[in-house]
PDB file of N, CA and C in Angstrom:
ATOM      1  N   MET A   1      13.599  -7.660  13.960  1.00  0.00           N
ATOM      2  CA  MET A   1      12.966  -7.582  12.664  1.00  0.00           C
ATOM      3  C   MET A   1      12.908  -6.112  12.259  1.00  0.00           C
ATOM      4  N   THR A   2      13.310  -5.834  11.049  1.00  0.00           N
ATOM      5  CA  THR A   2      13.222  -4.473  10.536  1.00  0.00           C
ATOM      6  C   THR A   2      12.707  -4.529   9.116  1.00  0.00           C
ATOM      7  N   LEU A   3      11.595  -3.848   8.896  1.00  0.00           N
ATOM      8  CA  LEU A   3      11.073  -3.782   7.537  1.00  0.00           C
ATOM      9  C   LEU A   3      11.877  -2.782   6.737  1.00  0.00           C
ATOM     10  N   ASN A   4      12.104  -3.106   5.508  1.00  0.00           N
ATOM     11  CA  ASN A   4      12.852  -2.266   4.601  1.00  0.00           C
ATOM     12  C   ASN A   4      12.145  -0.918   4.430  1.00  0.00           C
ATOM     13  N   LYS A   5      12.862   0.175   4.589  1.00  0.00           N
ATOM     14  CA  LYS A   5      12.312   1.527   4.464  1.00  0.00           C
ATOM     15  C   LYS A   5      11.697   1.742   3.085  1.00  0.00           C
ATOM     16  N   GLU A   6      12.341   1.235   2.061  1.00  0.00           N
ATOM     17  CA  GLU A   6      11.816   1.386   0.694  1.00  0.00           C
ATOM     18  C   GLU A   6      10.490   0.656   0.530  1.00  0.00           C
ATOM     19  N   LEU A   7      10.346  -0.510   1.173  1.00  0.00           N
ATOM     20  CA  LEU A   7       9.090  -1.244   1.130  1.00  0.00           C
ATOM     21  C   LEU A   7       7.993  -0.450   1.831  1.00  0.00           C
ATOM     22  N   LEU A   8       8.303   0.100   2.976  1.00  0.00           N
ATOM     23  CA  LEU A   8       7.323   0.896   3.714  1.00  0.00           C
ATOM     24  C   LEU A   8       6.862   2.113   2.912  1.00  0.00           C
ATOM     25  N   ASP A   9       7.762   2.683   2.137  1.00  0.00           N
ATOM     26  CA  ASP A   9       7.424   3.861   1.344  1.00  0.00           C
ATOM     27  C   ASP A   9       6.430   3.557   0.224  1.00  0.00           C
ATOM     28  N   ILE A  10       6.439   2.324  -0.294  1.00  0.00           N
ATOM     29  CA  ILE A  10       5.551   2.016  -1.421  1.00  0.00           C
ATOM     30  C   ILE A  10       4.263   1.304  -0.997  1.00  0.00           C
ATOM     31  N   LEU A  11       4.225   0.759   0.216  1.00  0.00           N
ATOM     32  CA  LEU A  11       3.011   0.077   0.667  1.00  0.00           C
ATOM     33  C   LEU A  11       1.883   1.076   0.920  1.00  0.00           C
ATOM     34  N   ALA A  12       0.680   0.678   0.568  1.00  0.00           N
ATOM     35  CA  ALA A  12      -0.505   1.500   0.800  1.00  0.00           C
ATOM     36  C   ALA A  12      -1.628   0.590   1.275  1.00  0.00           C
ATOM     37  N   CYS A  13      -2.577   1.167   1.944  1.00  0.00           N
ATOM     38  CA  CYS A  13      -3.740   0.418   2.409  1.00  0.00           C
ATOM     39  C   CYS A  13      -4.465  -0.171   1.193  1.00  0.00           C
ATOM     40  N   PRO A  14      -4.722  -1.474   1.180  1.00  0.00           N
ATOM     41  CA  PRO A  14      -5.408  -2.062   0.034  1.00  0.00           C
ATOM     42  C   PRO A  14      -6.872  -1.621  -0.099  1.00  0.00           C
ATOM     43  N   LYS A  15      -7.442  -1.103   0.981  1.00  0.00           N
ATOM     44  CA  LYS A  15      -8.843  -0.676   0.939  1.00  0.00           C
ATOM     45  C   LYS A  15      -8.991   0.764   0.445  1.00  0.00           C
ATOM     46  N   CYS A  16      -8.271   1.699   1.078  1.00  0.00           N
ATOM     47  CA  CYS A  16      -8.443   3.117   0.731  1.00  0.00           C
ATOM     48  C   CYS A  16      -7.265   3.708  -0.042  1.00  0.00           C
ATOM     49  N   LYS A  17      -6.200   2.921  -0.183  1.00  0.00           N
ATOM     50  CA  LYS A  17      -4.967   3.355  -0.875  1.00  0.00           C
ATOM     51  C   LYS A  17      -4.226   4.450  -0.121  1.00  0.00           C
ATOM     52  N   GLY A  18      -4.543   4.625   1.162  1.00  0.00           N
ATOM     53  CA  GLY A  18      -3.890   5.635   1.991  1.00  0.00           C
ATOM     54  C   GLY A  18      -2.550   5.175   2.535  1.00  0.00           C
ATOM     55  N   ASP A  19      -1.852   6.101   3.162  1.00  0.00           N
ATOM     56  CA  ASP A  19      -0.555   5.809   3.764  1.00  0.00           C
ATOM     57  C   ASP A  19      -0.715   4.933   4.998  1.00  0.00           C
ATOM     58  N   LEU A  20       0.313   4.131   5.253  1.00  0.00           N
ATOM     59  CA  LEU A  20       0.353   3.260   6.424  1.00  0.00           C
ATOM     60  C   LEU A  20       1.491   3.697   7.324  1.00  0.00           C
ATOM     61  N   SER A  21       1.333   3.450   8.618  1.00  0.00           N
ATOM     62  CA  SER A  21       2.425   3.734   9.543  1.00  0.00           C
ATOM     63  C   SER A  21       2.752   2.467  10.319  1.00  0.00           C
ATOM     64  N   LEU A  22       4.016   2.305  10.599  1.00  0.00           N
ATOM     65  CA  LEU A  22       4.504   1.134  11.310  1.00  0.00           C
ATOM     66  C   LEU A  22       4.169   1.244  12.793  1.00  0.00           C
ATOM     67  N   MET A  23       3.565   0.197  13.338  1.00  0.00           N
ATOM     68  CA  MET A  23       3.201   0.168  14.760  1.00  0.00           C
ATOM     69  C   MET A  23       4.455  -0.080  15.606  1.00  0.00           C
ATOM     70  N   ASP A  24       4.344   0.232  16.901  1.00  0.00           N
ATOM     71  CA  ASP A  24       5.425  -0.064  17.836  1.00  0.00           C
ATOM     72  C   ASP A  24       5.769  -1.548  17.757  1.00  0.00           C
ATOM     73  N   ARG A  25       7.008  -1.862  17.953  1.00  0.00           N
ATOM     74  CA  ARG A  25       7.533  -3.232  17.915  1.00  0.00           C
ATOM     75  C   ARG A  25       7.352  -3.887  16.551  1.00  0.00           C
ATOM     76  N   GLU A  26       7.001  -3.100  15.541  1.00  0.00           N
ATOM     77  CA  GLU A  26       6.886  -3.569  14.161  1.00  0.00           C
ATOM     78  C   GLU A  26       6.000  -4.804  14.046  1.00  0.00           C
ATOM     79  N   GLU A  27       4.853  -4.793  14.747  1.00  0.00           N
ATOM     80  CA  GLU A  27       3.927  -5.925  14.703  1.00  0.00           C
ATOM     81  C   GLU A  27       2.838  -5.743  13.651  1.00  0.00           C
ATOM     82  N   GLY A  28       2.687  -4.529  13.152  1.00  0.00           N
ATOM     83  CA  GLY A  28       1.627  -4.286  12.183  1.00  0.00           C
ATOM     84  C   GLY A  28       1.777  -2.938  11.510  1.00  0.00           C
ATOM     85  N   LEU A  29       0.977  -2.747  10.466  1.00  0.00           N
ATOM     86  CA  LEU A  29       0.932  -1.492   9.732  1.00  0.00           C
ATOM     87  C   LEU A  29      -0.460  -0.898   9.915  1.00  0.00           C
ATOM     88  N   ARG A  30      -0.511   0.327  10.413  1.00  0.00           N
ATOM     89  CA  ARG A  30      -1.788   0.973  10.742  1.00  0.00           C
ATOM     90  C   ARG A  30      -2.221   1.899   9.625  1.00  0.00           C
ATOM     91  N   CYS A  31      -3.520   1.811   9.284  1.00  0.00           N
ATOM     92  CA  CYS A  31      -4.131   2.754   8.355  1.00  0.00           C
ATOM     93  C   CYS A  31      -5.016   3.670   9.190  1.00  0.00           C
ATOM     94  N   PRO A  32      -4.631   4.940   9.354  1.00  0.00           N
ATOM     95  CA  PRO A  32      -5.441   5.845  10.173  1.00  0.00           C
ATOM     96  C   PRO A  32      -6.813   6.141   9.554  1.00  0.00           C
ATOM     97  N   SER A  33      -6.911   6.139   8.237  1.00  0.00           N
ATOM     98  CA  SER A  33      -8.187   6.426   7.582  1.00  0.00           C
ATOM     99  C   SER A  33      -9.217   5.330   7.799  1.00  0.00           C
ATOM    100  N   CYS A  34      -8.786   4.094   7.723  1.00  0.00           N
ATOM    101  CA  CYS A  34      -9.691   2.948   7.875  1.00  0.00           C
ATOM    102  C   CYS A  34      -9.764   2.451   9.320  1.00  0.00           C
ATOM    103  N   ALA A  35      -8.871   2.933  10.181  1.00  0.00           N
ATOM    104  CA  ALA A  35      -8.791   2.513  11.588  1.00  0.00           C
ATOM    105  C   ALA A  35      -8.617   1.001  11.706  1.00  0.00           C
ATOM    106  N   VAL A  36      -7.677   0.467  10.909  1.00  0.00           N
ATOM    107  CA  VAL A  36      -7.341  -0.952  10.973  1.00  0.00           C
ATOM    108  C   VAL A  36      -5.832  -1.119  11.012  1.00  0.00           C
ATOM    109  N   VAL A  37      -5.425  -2.319  11.400  1.00  0.00           N
ATOM    110  CA  VAL A  37      -4.009  -2.685  11.409  1.00  0.00           C
ATOM    111  C   VAL A  37      -3.843  -3.940  10.565  1.00  0.00           C
ATOM    112  N   TYR A  38      -2.879  -3.904   9.664  1.00  0.00           N
ATOM    113  CA  TYR A  38      -2.520  -5.081   8.889  1.00  0.00           C
ATOM    114  C   TYR A  38      -1.344  -5.733   9.616  1.00  0.00           C
ATOM    115  N   PRO A  39      -1.527  -6.969  10.099  1.00  0.00           N
ATOM    116  CA  PRO A  39      -0.486  -7.601  10.900  1.00  0.00           C
ATOM    117  C   PRO A  39       0.758  -7.941  10.079  1.00  0.00           C
ATOM    118  N   ILE A  40       1.879  -8.018  10.766  1.00  0.00           N
ATOM    119  CA  ILE A  40       3.125  -8.469  10.163  1.00  0.00           C
ATOM    120  C   ILE A  40       3.421  -9.817  10.801  1.00  0.00           C
ATOM    121  N   ARG A  41       3.491 -10.852   9.965  1.00  0.00           N
ATOM    122  CA  ARG A  41       3.750 -12.211  10.454  1.00  0.00           C
ATOM    123  C   ARG A  41       5.017 -12.738   9.800  1.00  0.00           C
ATOM    124  N   GLU A  42       5.938 -13.174  10.625  1.00  0.00           N
ATOM    125  CA  GLU A  42       7.217 -13.704  10.146  1.00  0.00           C
ATOM    126  C   GLU A  42       7.892 -12.724   9.187  1.00  0.00           C
ATOM    127  N   GLU A  43       7.863 -11.451   9.575  1.00  0.00           N
ATOM    128  CA  GLU A  43       8.489 -10.339   8.852  1.00  0.00           C
ATOM    129  C   GLU A  43       7.820 -10.023   7.515  1.00  0.00           C
ATOM    130  N   ILE A  44       6.592 -10.519   7.302  1.00  0.00           N
ATOM    131  CA  ILE A  44       5.872 -10.273   6.057  1.00  0.00           C
ATOM    132  C   ILE A  44       4.560  -9.563   6.364  1.00  0.00           C
ATOM    133  N   PRO A  45       4.340  -8.367   5.814  1.00  0.00           N
ATOM    134  CA  PRO A  45       3.071  -7.677   6.024  1.00  0.00           C
ATOM    135  C   PRO A  45       1.934  -8.436   5.327  1.00  0.00           C
ATOM    136  N   VAL A  46       0.866  -8.686   6.059  1.00  0.00           N
ATOM    137  CA  VAL A  46      -0.302  -9.367   5.504  1.00  0.00           C
ATOM    138  C   VAL A  46      -1.266  -8.280   5.038  1.00  0.00           C
ATOM    139  N   MET A  47      -1.229  -7.979   3.754  1.00  0.00           N
ATOM    140  CA  MET A  47      -1.956  -6.849   3.198  1.00  0.00           C
ATOM    141  C   MET A  47      -3.283  -7.288   2.571  1.00  0.00           C
ATOM    142  N   LEU A  48      -4.044  -8.080   3.298  1.00  0.00           N
ATOM    143  CA  LEU A  48      -5.354  -8.537   2.847  1.00  0.00           C
ATOM    144  C   LEU A  48      -6.428  -7.831   3.658  1.00  0.00           C
ATOM    145  N   ILE A  49      -7.414  -7.283   2.984  1.00  0.00           N
ATOM    146  CA  ILE A  49      -8.485  -6.562   3.672  1.00  0.00           C
ATOM    147  C   ILE A  49      -9.172  -7.468   4.686  1.00  0.00           C
ATOM    148  N   ASP A  50      -9.378  -8.727   4.339  1.00  0.00           N
ATOM    149  CA  ASP A  50     -10.044  -9.676   5.238  1.00  0.00           C
ATOM    150  C   ASP A  50      -9.224 -10.009   6.478  1.00  0.00           C
ATOM    151  N   GLU A  51      -7.929  -9.763   6.441  1.00  0.00           N
ATOM    152  CA  GLU A  51      -7.058 -10.052   7.583  1.00  0.00           C
ATOM    153  C   GLU A  51      -6.799  -8.821   8.457  1.00  0.00           C
ATOM    154  N   ALA A  52      -7.285  -7.669   8.031  1.00  0.00           N
ATOM    155  CA  ALA A  52      -7.082  -6.440   8.806  1.00  0.00           C
ATOM    156  C   ALA A  52      -7.809  -6.544  10.138  1.00  0.00           C
ATOM    157  N   ILE A  53      -7.166  -6.031  11.176  1.00  0.00           N
ATOM    158  CA  ILE A  53      -7.722  -6.065  12.531  1.00  0.00           C
ATOM    159  C   ILE A  53      -8.132  -4.646  12.906  1.00  0.00           C
ATOM    160  N   PRO A  54      -9.380  -4.467  13.352  1.00  0.00           N
ATOM    161  CA  PRO A  54      -9.795  -3.123  13.775  1.00  0.00           C
ATOM    162  C   PRO A  54      -8.824  -2.556  14.816  1.00  0.00           C
ATOM    163  N   LEU A  55      -8.519  -1.279  14.682  1.00  0.00           N
ATOM    164  CA  LEU A  55      -7.563  -0.634  15.581  1.00  0.00           C
ATOM    165  C   LEU A  55      -7.973  -0.783  17.047  1.00  0.00           C
ATOM    166  N   SER A  56      -9.270  -0.685  17.320  1.00  0.00           N
ATOM    167  CA  SER A  56      -9.743  -0.822  18.707  1.00  0.00           C
ATOM    168  C   SER A  56      -9.443  -2.210  19.256  1.00  0.00           C
ATOM    169  N   ASP A  57      -9.574  -3.256  18.428  1.00  0.00           N
ATOM    170  CA  ASP A  57      -9.235  -4.619  18.863  1.00  0.00           C
ATOM    171  C   ASP A  57      -7.730  -4.749  19.062  1.00  0.00           C
ATOM    172  N   TRP A  58      -6.961  -4.178  18.138  1.00  0.00           N
ATOM    173  CA  TRP A  58      -5.497  -4.236  18.217  1.00  0.00           C
ATOM    174  C   TRP A  58      -5.013  -3.623  19.534  1.00  0.00           C
ATOM    175  N   GLU A  59      -5.599  -2.478  19.897  1.00  0.00           N
ATOM    176  CA  GLU A  59      -5.193  -1.805  21.136  1.00  0.00           C
ATOM    177  C   GLU A  59      -5.550  -2.619  22.384  1.00  0.00           C
ATOM    178  N   GLN A  60      -6.468  -3.569  22.239  1.00  0.00           N
ATOM    179  CA  GLN A  60      -6.834  -4.446  23.356  1.00  0.00           C
ATOM    180  C   GLN A  60      -6.038  -5.743  23.348  1.00  0.00           C
ATOM    181  N   GLY A  61      -5.075  -5.855  22.421  1.00  0.00           N
ATOM    182  CA  GLY A  61      -4.191  -7.017  22.393  1.00  0.00           C
ATOM    183  C   GLY A  61      -4.527  -8.074  21.374  1.00  0.00           C
ATOM    184  N   VAL A  62      -5.571  -7.878  20.572  1.00  0.00           N
ATOM    185  CA  VAL A  62      -5.940  -8.863  19.549  1.00  0.00           C
ATOM    186  C   VAL A  62      -4.935  -8.757  18.403  1.00  0.00           C
ATOM    187  N   ARG A  63      -4.319  -9.882  18.045  1.00  0.00           N
ATOM    188  CA  ARG A  63      -3.338  -9.895  16.961  1.00  0.00           C
ATOM    189  C   ARG A  63      -3.723 -10.850  15.830  1.00  0.00           C
ATOM    190  N   GLU A  64      -4.839 -11.559  15.997  1.00  0.00           N
ATOM    191  CA  GLU A  64      -5.325 -12.501  14.977  1.00  0.00           C
ATOM    192  C   GLU A  64      -6.773 -12.182  14.671  1.00  0.00           C
ATOM    193  N   LYS A  65      -7.180 -12.347  13.431  1.00  0.00           N
ATOM    194  CA  LYS A  65      -8.568 -12.157  13.026  1.00  0.00           C
ATOM    195  C   LYS A  65      -9.419 -13.259  13.654  1.00  0.00           C
ATOM    196  N   LYS A  66     -10.573 -12.884  14.170  1.00  0.00           N
ATOM    197  CA  LYS A  66     -11.470 -13.861  14.810  1.00  0.00           C
ATOM    198  C   LYS A  66     -12.203 -14.682  13.787  1.00  0.00           C
TER     199      LYS A  66
END
């Protein structure tokens, strides 16, 4: 799976409007300002604030919102 570079360039955090960075293995998009990860499911970034996973949970292996 490879996200389009042009898509990555225009995506922004829906909460703070900050830049996002692609996580290893392209499983999510990280917002360093908000310390959350927006998951990528079936090659589609889920850019909903309610679906964002705290970075600390993501680093512990959580990939779904509780």
